[in-house]
Amino acid sequence: MQKENKSKLLSRQEVEEVYGISKRYLEKVSVQGGGPTVIRFGRLVRYRAKDIELWIEANAHKGAEQ
């Protein structure tokens, strides 16, 4: 993703298309109080690309799957 797009707000559908993280998984972790930072506008849920990327990095593990 290009640098100028880091501040663009993405829907769950767009996160799924760009990062391969399913909409259902994003919903599930959000309800459980985890996952990437969520921005809400009423019923609309959006994510900043930089928050998705930070969350992915924070959950990266080296070596065997845990």
PDB file of N, CA and C in Angstrom:
ATOM      1  N   MET A   1       0.848  -1.169   0.000  1.00  0.00           N
ATOM      2  CA  MET A   1       0.000   0.000   0.000  1.00  0.00           C
ATOM      3  C   MET A   1       0.895   1.234   0.000  1.00  0.00           C
ATOM      4  N   GLN A   2       0.595   2.204  -0.834  1.00  0.00           N
ATOM      5  CA  GLN A   2       1.424   3.393  -0.958  1.00  0.00           C
ATOM      6  C   GLN A   2       1.306   4.277   0.275  1.00  0.00           C
ATOM      7  N   LYS A   3       2.363   5.041   0.527  1.00  0.00           N
ATOM      8  CA  LYS A   3       2.442   5.874   1.724  1.00  0.00           C
ATOM      9  C   LYS A   3       1.266   6.837   1.850  1.00  0.00           C
ATOM     10  N   GLU A   4       0.863   7.475   0.764  1.00  0.00           N
ATOM     11  CA  GLU A   4      -0.221   8.452   0.839  1.00  0.00           C
ATOM     12  C   GLU A   4      -1.566   7.816   1.185  1.00  0.00           C
ATOM     13  N   ASN A   5      -1.693   6.513   1.068  1.00  0.00           N
ATOM     14  CA  ASN A   5      -2.941   5.824   1.385  1.00  0.00           C
ATOM     15  C   ASN A   5      -2.995   5.319   2.817  1.00  0.00           C
ATOM     16  N   LYS A   6      -1.944   5.543   3.607  1.00  0.00           N
ATOM     17  CA  LYS A   6      -1.894   5.036   4.981  1.00  0.00           C
ATOM     18  C   LYS A   6      -2.987   5.636   5.857  1.00  0.00           C
ATOM     19  N   SER A   7      -3.459   6.841   5.543  1.00  0.00           N
ATOM     20  CA  SER A   7      -4.477   7.480   6.366  1.00  0.00           C
ATOM     21  C   SER A   7      -5.891   7.222   5.840  1.00  0.00           C
ATOM     22  N   LYS A   8      -6.023   6.552   4.709  1.00  0.00           N
ATOM     23  CA  LYS A   8      -7.334   6.244   4.150  1.00  0.00           C
ATOM     24  C   LYS A   8      -8.078   5.303   5.087  1.00  0.00           C
ATOM     25  N   LEU A   9      -9.353   5.551   5.273  1.00  0.00           N
ATOM     26  CA  LEU A   9     -10.173   4.674   6.106  1.00  0.00           C
ATOM     27  C   LEU A   9     -10.733   3.548   5.253  1.00  0.00           C
ATOM     28  N   LEU A  10     -10.552   2.330   5.741  1.00  0.00           N
ATOM     29  CA  LEU A  10     -10.961   1.137   4.999  1.00  0.00           C
ATOM     30  C   LEU A  10     -12.140   0.457   5.665  1.00  0.00           C
ATOM     31  N   SER A  11     -13.060  -0.036   4.858  1.00  0.00           N
ATOM     32  CA  SER A  11     -14.155  -0.851   5.375  1.00  0.00           C
ATOM     33  C   SER A  11     -13.629  -2.256   5.644  1.00  0.00           C
ATOM     34  N   ARG A  12     -14.420  -3.076   6.310  1.00  0.00           N
ATOM     35  CA  ARG A  12     -13.998  -4.469   6.543  1.00  0.00           C
ATOM     36  C   ARG A  12     -13.811  -5.194   5.213  1.00  0.00           C
ATOM     37  N   GLN A  13     -14.640  -4.899   4.253  1.00  0.00           N
ATOM     38  CA  GLN A  13     -14.514  -5.513   2.930  1.00  0.00           C
ATOM     39  C   GLN A  13     -13.177  -5.150   2.296  1.00  0.00           C
ATOM     40  N   GLU A  14     -12.796  -3.882   2.390  1.00  0.00           N
ATOM     41  CA  GLU A  14     -11.524  -3.438   1.816  1.00  0.00           C
ATOM     42  C   GLU A  14     -10.339  -4.053   2.550  1.00  0.00           C
ATOM     43  N   VAL A  15     -10.437  -4.180   3.879  1.00  0.00           N
ATOM     44  CA  VAL A  15      -9.367  -4.828   4.644  1.00  0.00           C
ATOM     45  C   VAL A  15      -9.215  -6.274   4.172  1.00  0.00           C
ATOM     46  N   GLU A  16     -10.327  -6.940   3.952  1.00  0.00           N
ATOM     47  CA  GLU A  16     -10.278  -8.318   3.465  1.00  0.00           C
ATOM     48  C   GLU A  16      -9.611  -8.394   2.091  1.00  0.00           C
ATOM     49  N   GLU A  17      -9.964  -7.492   1.199  1.00  0.00           N
ATOM     50  CA  GLU A  17      -9.411  -7.491  -0.153  1.00  0.00           C
ATOM     51  C   GLU A  17      -7.911  -7.155  -0.168  1.00  0.00           C
ATOM     52  N   VAL A  18      -7.501  -6.178   0.644  1.00  0.00           N
ATOM     53  CA  VAL A  18      -6.110  -5.714   0.627  1.00  0.00           C
ATOM     54  C   VAL A  18      -5.198  -6.604   1.455  1.00  0.00           C
ATOM     55  N   TYR A  19      -5.650  -7.003   2.651  1.00  0.00           N
ATOM     56  CA  TYR A  19      -4.785  -7.716   3.588  1.00  0.00           C
ATOM     57  C   TYR A  19      -5.117  -9.199   3.741  1.00  0.00           C
ATOM     58  N   GLY A  20      -6.242  -9.636   3.205  1.00  0.00           N
ATOM     59  CA  GLY A  20      -6.606 -11.048   3.290  1.00  0.00           C
ATOM     60  C   GLY A  20      -7.124 -11.476   4.654  1.00  0.00           C
ATOM     61  N   ILE A  21      -7.552 -10.527   5.479  1.00  0.00           N
ATOM     62  CA  ILE A  21      -8.115 -10.832   6.798  1.00  0.00           C
ATOM     63  C   ILE A  21      -9.631 -10.788   6.645  1.00  0.00           C
ATOM     64  N   SER A  22     -10.296 -11.890   6.928  1.00  0.00           N
ATOM     65  CA  SER A  22     -11.732 -11.974   6.645  1.00  0.00           C
ATOM     66  C   SER A  22     -12.553 -10.988   7.478  1.00  0.00           C
ATOM     67  N   LYS A  23     -13.642 -10.538   6.888  1.00  0.00           N
ATOM     68  CA  LYS A  23     -14.564  -9.629   7.568  1.00  0.00           C
ATOM     69  C   LYS A  23     -15.087 -10.283   8.846  1.00  0.00           C
ATOM     70  N   ARG A  24     -15.406 -11.547   8.757  1.00  0.00           N
ATOM     71  CA  ARG A  24     -15.948 -12.268   9.920  1.00  0.00           C
ATOM     72  C   ARG A  24     -14.937 -12.308  11.064  1.00  0.00           C
ATOM     73  N   TYR A  25     -13.678 -12.533  10.758  1.00  0.00           N
ATOM     74  CA  TYR A  25     -12.648 -12.544  11.800  1.00  0.00           C
ATOM     75  C   TYR A  25     -12.512 -11.164  12.442  1.00  0.00           C
ATOM     76  N   LEU A  26     -12.518 -10.117  11.628  1.00  0.00           N
ATOM     77  CA  LEU A  26     -12.439  -8.761  12.169  1.00  0.00           C
ATOM     78  C   LEU A  26     -13.615  -8.466  13.095  1.00  0.00           C
ATOM     79  N   GLU A  27     -14.805  -8.914  12.724  1.00  0.00           N
ATOM     80  CA  GLU A  27     -15.980  -8.735  13.577  1.00  0.00           C
ATOM     81  C   GLU A  27     -15.807  -9.485  14.891  1.00  0.00           C
ATOM     82  N   LYS A  28     -15.347 -10.720  14.803  1.00  0.00           N
ATOM     83  CA  LYS A  28     -15.183 -11.576  15.976  1.00  0.00           C
ATOM     84  C   LYS A  28     -14.188 -10.974  16.969  1.00  0.00           C
ATOM     85  N   VAL A  29     -13.003 -10.589  16.506  1.00  0.00           N
ATOM     86  CA  VAL A  29     -11.999 -10.050  17.427  1.00  0.00           C
ATOM     87  C   VAL A  29     -12.416  -8.696  17.989  1.00  0.00           C
ATOM     88  N   SER A  30     -13.165  -7.932  17.223  1.00  0.00           N
ATOM     89  CA  SER A  30     -13.643  -6.644  17.707  1.00  0.00           C
ATOM     90  C   SER A  30     -14.616  -6.831  18.863  1.00  0.00           C
ATOM     91  N   VAL A  31     -15.531  -7.780  18.727  1.00  0.00           N
ATOM     92  CA  VAL A  31     -16.500  -8.074  19.785  1.00  0.00           C
ATOM     93  C   VAL A  31     -15.789  -8.559  21.049  1.00  0.00           C
ATOM     94  N   GLN A  32     -14.701  -9.291  20.880  1.00  0.00           N
ATOM     95  CA  GLN A  32     -13.934  -9.813  22.008  1.00  0.00           C
ATOM     96  C   GLN A  32     -13.003  -8.766  22.612  1.00  0.00           C
ATOM     97  N   GLY A  33     -12.968  -7.571  22.031  1.00  0.00           N
ATOM     98  CA  GLY A  33     -12.141  -6.491  22.555  1.00  0.00           C
ATOM     99  C   GLY A  33     -10.717  -6.483  22.033  1.00  0.00           C
ATOM    100  N   GLY A  34     -10.467  -7.214  20.963  1.00  0.00           N
ATOM    101  CA  GLY A  34      -9.125  -7.270  20.386  1.00  0.00           C
ATOM    102  C   GLY A  34      -9.121  -6.738  18.967  1.00  0.00           C
ATOM    103  N   GLY A  35      -8.094  -7.110  18.255  1.00  0.00           N
ATOM    104  CA  GLY A  35      -7.978  -6.718  16.860  1.00  0.00           C
ATOM    105  C   GLY A  35      -7.433  -5.321  16.695  1.00  0.00           C
ATOM    106  N   PRO A  36      -7.383  -4.885  15.449  1.00  0.00           N
ATOM    107  CA  PRO A  36      -6.860  -3.548  15.161  1.00  0.00           C
ATOM    108  C   PRO A  36      -7.813  -2.463  15.667  1.00  0.00           C
ATOM    109  N   THR A  37      -7.276  -1.273  15.859  1.00  0.00           N
ATOM    110  CA  THR A  37      -8.085  -0.140  16.306  1.00  0.00           C
ATOM    111  C   THR A  37      -9.219   0.106  15.321  1.00  0.00           C
ATOM    112  N   VAL A  38     -10.412   0.298  15.856  1.00  0.00           N
ATOM    113  CA  VAL A  38     -11.622   0.509  15.048  1.00  0.00           C
ATOM    114  C   VAL A  38     -12.041   1.967  15.167  1.00  0.00           C
ATOM    115  N   ILE A  39     -12.466   2.537  14.061  1.00  0.00           N
ATOM    116  CA  ILE A  39     -13.022   3.887  14.051  1.00  0.00           C
ATOM    117  C   ILE A  39     -14.491   3.739  13.692  1.00  0.00           C
ATOM    118  N   ARG A  40     -15.344   4.277  14.531  1.00  0.00           N
ATOM    119  CA  ARG A  40     -16.791   4.151  14.309  1.00  0.00           C
ATOM    120  C   ARG A  40     -17.416   5.516  14.031  1.00  0.00           C
ATOM    121  N   PHE A  41     -18.271   5.521  13.035  1.00  0.00           N
ATOM    122  CA  PHE A  41     -19.109   6.664  12.705  1.00  0.00           C
ATOM    123  C   PHE A  41     -20.538   6.144  12.739  1.00  0.00           C
ATOM    124  N   GLY A  42     -21.182   6.250  13.884  1.00  0.00           N
ATOM    125  CA  GLY A  42     -22.493   5.634  14.013  1.00  0.00           C
ATOM    126  C   GLY A  42     -22.362   4.132  13.843  1.00  0.00           C
ATOM    127  N   ARG A  43     -23.028   3.589  12.838  1.00  0.00           N
ATOM    128  CA  ARG A  43     -22.964   2.151  12.575  1.00  0.00           C
ATOM    129  C   ARG A  43     -21.828   1.770  11.634  1.00  0.00           C
ATOM    130  N   LEU A  44     -21.187   2.770  11.016  1.00  0.00           N
ATOM    131  CA  LEU A  44     -20.080   2.479  10.108  1.00  0.00           C
ATOM    132  C   LEU A  44     -18.824   2.136  10.889  1.00  0.00           C
ATOM    133  N   VAL A  45     -18.144   1.094  10.461  1.00  0.00           N
ATOM    134  CA  VAL A  45     -16.884   0.672  11.071  1.00  0.00           C
ATOM    135  C   VAL A  45     -15.794   0.834  10.025  1.00  0.00           C
ATOM    136  N   ARG A  46     -14.723   1.515  10.410  1.00  0.00           N
ATOM    137  CA  ARG A  46     -13.608   1.734   9.499  1.00  0.00           C
ATOM    138  C   ARG A  46     -12.296   1.468  10.224  1.00  0.00           C
ATOM    139  N   TYR A  47     -11.265   1.204   9.425  1.00  0.00           N
ATOM    140  CA  TYR A  47      -9.919   0.937   9.931  1.00  0.00           C
ATOM    141  C   TYR A  47      -8.930   1.797   9.168  1.00  0.00           C
ATOM    142  N   ARG A  48      -7.905   2.292   9.869  1.00  0.00           N
ATOM    143  CA  ARG A  48      -6.802   2.975   9.198  1.00  0.00           C
ATOM    144  C   ARG A  48      -5.806   1.908   8.763  1.00  0.00           C
ATOM    145  N   ALA A  49      -5.271   2.050   7.556  1.00  0.00           N
ATOM    146  CA  ALA A  49      -4.308   1.081   7.036  1.00  0.00           C
ATOM    147  C   ALA A  49      -3.123   0.942   7.987  1.00  0.00           C
ATOM    148  N   LYS A  50      -2.643   2.044   8.542  1.00  0.00           N
ATOM    149  CA  LYS A  50      -1.495   1.972   9.446  1.00  0.00           C
ATOM    150  C   LYS A  50      -1.815   1.169  10.696  1.00  0.00           C
ATOM    151  N   ASP A  51      -3.061   1.235  11.184  1.00  0.00           N
ATOM    152  CA  ASP A  51      -3.451   0.447  12.356  1.00  0.00           C
ATOM    153  C   ASP A  51      -3.509  -1.043  12.032  1.00  0.00           C
ATOM    154  N   ILE A  52      -3.975  -1.380  10.838  1.00  0.00           N
ATOM    155  CA  ILE A  52      -4.002  -2.785  10.406  1.00  0.00           C
ATOM    156  C   ILE A  52      -2.573  -3.316  10.346  1.00  0.00           C
ATOM    157  N   GLU A  53      -1.677  -2.548   9.739  1.00  0.00           N
ATOM    158  CA  GLU A  53      -0.292  -2.992   9.583  1.00  0.00           C
ATOM    159  C   GLU A  53       0.419  -3.118  10.934  1.00  0.00           C
ATOM    160  N   LEU A  54       0.168  -2.197  11.853  1.00  0.00           N
ATOM    161  CA  LEU A  54       0.746  -2.291  13.198  1.00  0.00           C
ATOM    162  C   LEU A  54       0.236  -3.537  13.922  1.00  0.00           C
ATOM    163  N   TRP A  55      -1.038  -3.814  13.781  1.00  0.00           N
ATOM    164  CA  TRP A  55      -1.646  -4.988  14.415  1.00  0.00           C
ATOM    165  C   TRP A  55      -1.059  -6.281  13.840  1.00  0.00           C
ATOM    166  N   ILE A  56      -0.868  -6.312  12.533  1.00  0.00           N
ATOM    167  CA  ILE A  56      -0.262  -7.486  11.896  1.00  0.00           C
ATOM    168  C   ILE A  56       1.149  -7.691  12.440  1.00  0.00           C
ATOM    169  N   GLU A  57       1.941  -6.629  12.506  1.00  0.00           N
ATOM    170  CA  GLU A  57       3.310  -6.728  13.019  1.00  0.00           C
ATOM    171  C   GLU A  57       3.336  -7.180  14.474  1.00  0.00           C
ATOM    172  N   ALA A  58       2.418  -6.667  15.268  1.00  0.00           N
ATOM    173  CA  ALA A  58       2.374  -7.028  16.684  1.00  0.00           C
ATOM    174  C   ALA A  58       2.019  -8.497  16.886  1.00  0.00           C
ATOM    175  N   ASN A  59       1.376  -9.101  15.897  1.00  0.00           N
ATOM    176  CA  ASN A  59       0.953 -10.495  16.006  1.00  0.00           C
ATOM    177  C   ASN A  59       1.822 -11.452  15.205  1.00  0.00           C
ATOM    178  N   ALA A  60       2.913 -10.941  14.650  1.00  0.00           N
ATOM    179  CA  ALA A  60       3.830 -11.784  13.889  1.00  0.00           C
ATOM    180  C   ALA A  60       4.691 -12.585  14.864  1.00  0.00           C
ATOM    181  N   HIS A  61       4.880 -13.875  14.569  1.00  0.00           N
ATOM    182  CA  HIS A  61       5.683 -14.754  15.419  1.00  0.00           C
ATOM    183  C   HIS A  61       6.755 -15.419  14.573  1.00  0.00           C
ATOM    184  N   LYS A  62       7.945 -15.523  15.127  1.00  0.00           N
ATOM    185  CA  LYS A  62       9.016 -16.262  14.468  1.00  0.00           C
ATOM    186  C   LYS A  62       8.962 -17.694  14.914  1.00  0.00           C
ATOM    187  N   GLY A  63       9.435 -18.584  14.052  1.00  0.00           N
ATOM    188  CA  GLY A  63       9.556 -19.986  14.445  1.00  0.00           C
ATOM    189  C   GLY A  63       8.244 -20.736  14.373  1.00  0.00           C
ATOM    190  N   ALA A  64       8.126 -21.737  15.226  1.00  0.00           N
ATOM    191  CA  ALA A  64       6.961 -22.631  15.196  1.00  0.00           C
ATOM    192  C   ALA A  64       5.682 -21.881  15.562  1.00  0.00           C
ATOM    193  N   GLU A  65       4.592 -22.337  14.985  1.00  0.00           N
ATOM    194  CA  GLU A  65       3.292 -21.759  15.262  1.00  0.00           C
ATOM    195  C   GLU A  65       2.933 -22.013  16.720  1.00  0.00           C
ATOM    196  N   GLN A  66       2.385 -20.988  17.368  1.00  0.00           N
ATOM    197  CA  GLN A  66       2.066 -21.119  18.795  1.00  0.00           C
ATOM    198  C   GLN A  66       0.610 -21.309  19.021  1.00  0.00           C
TER     199      GLN A  66
END
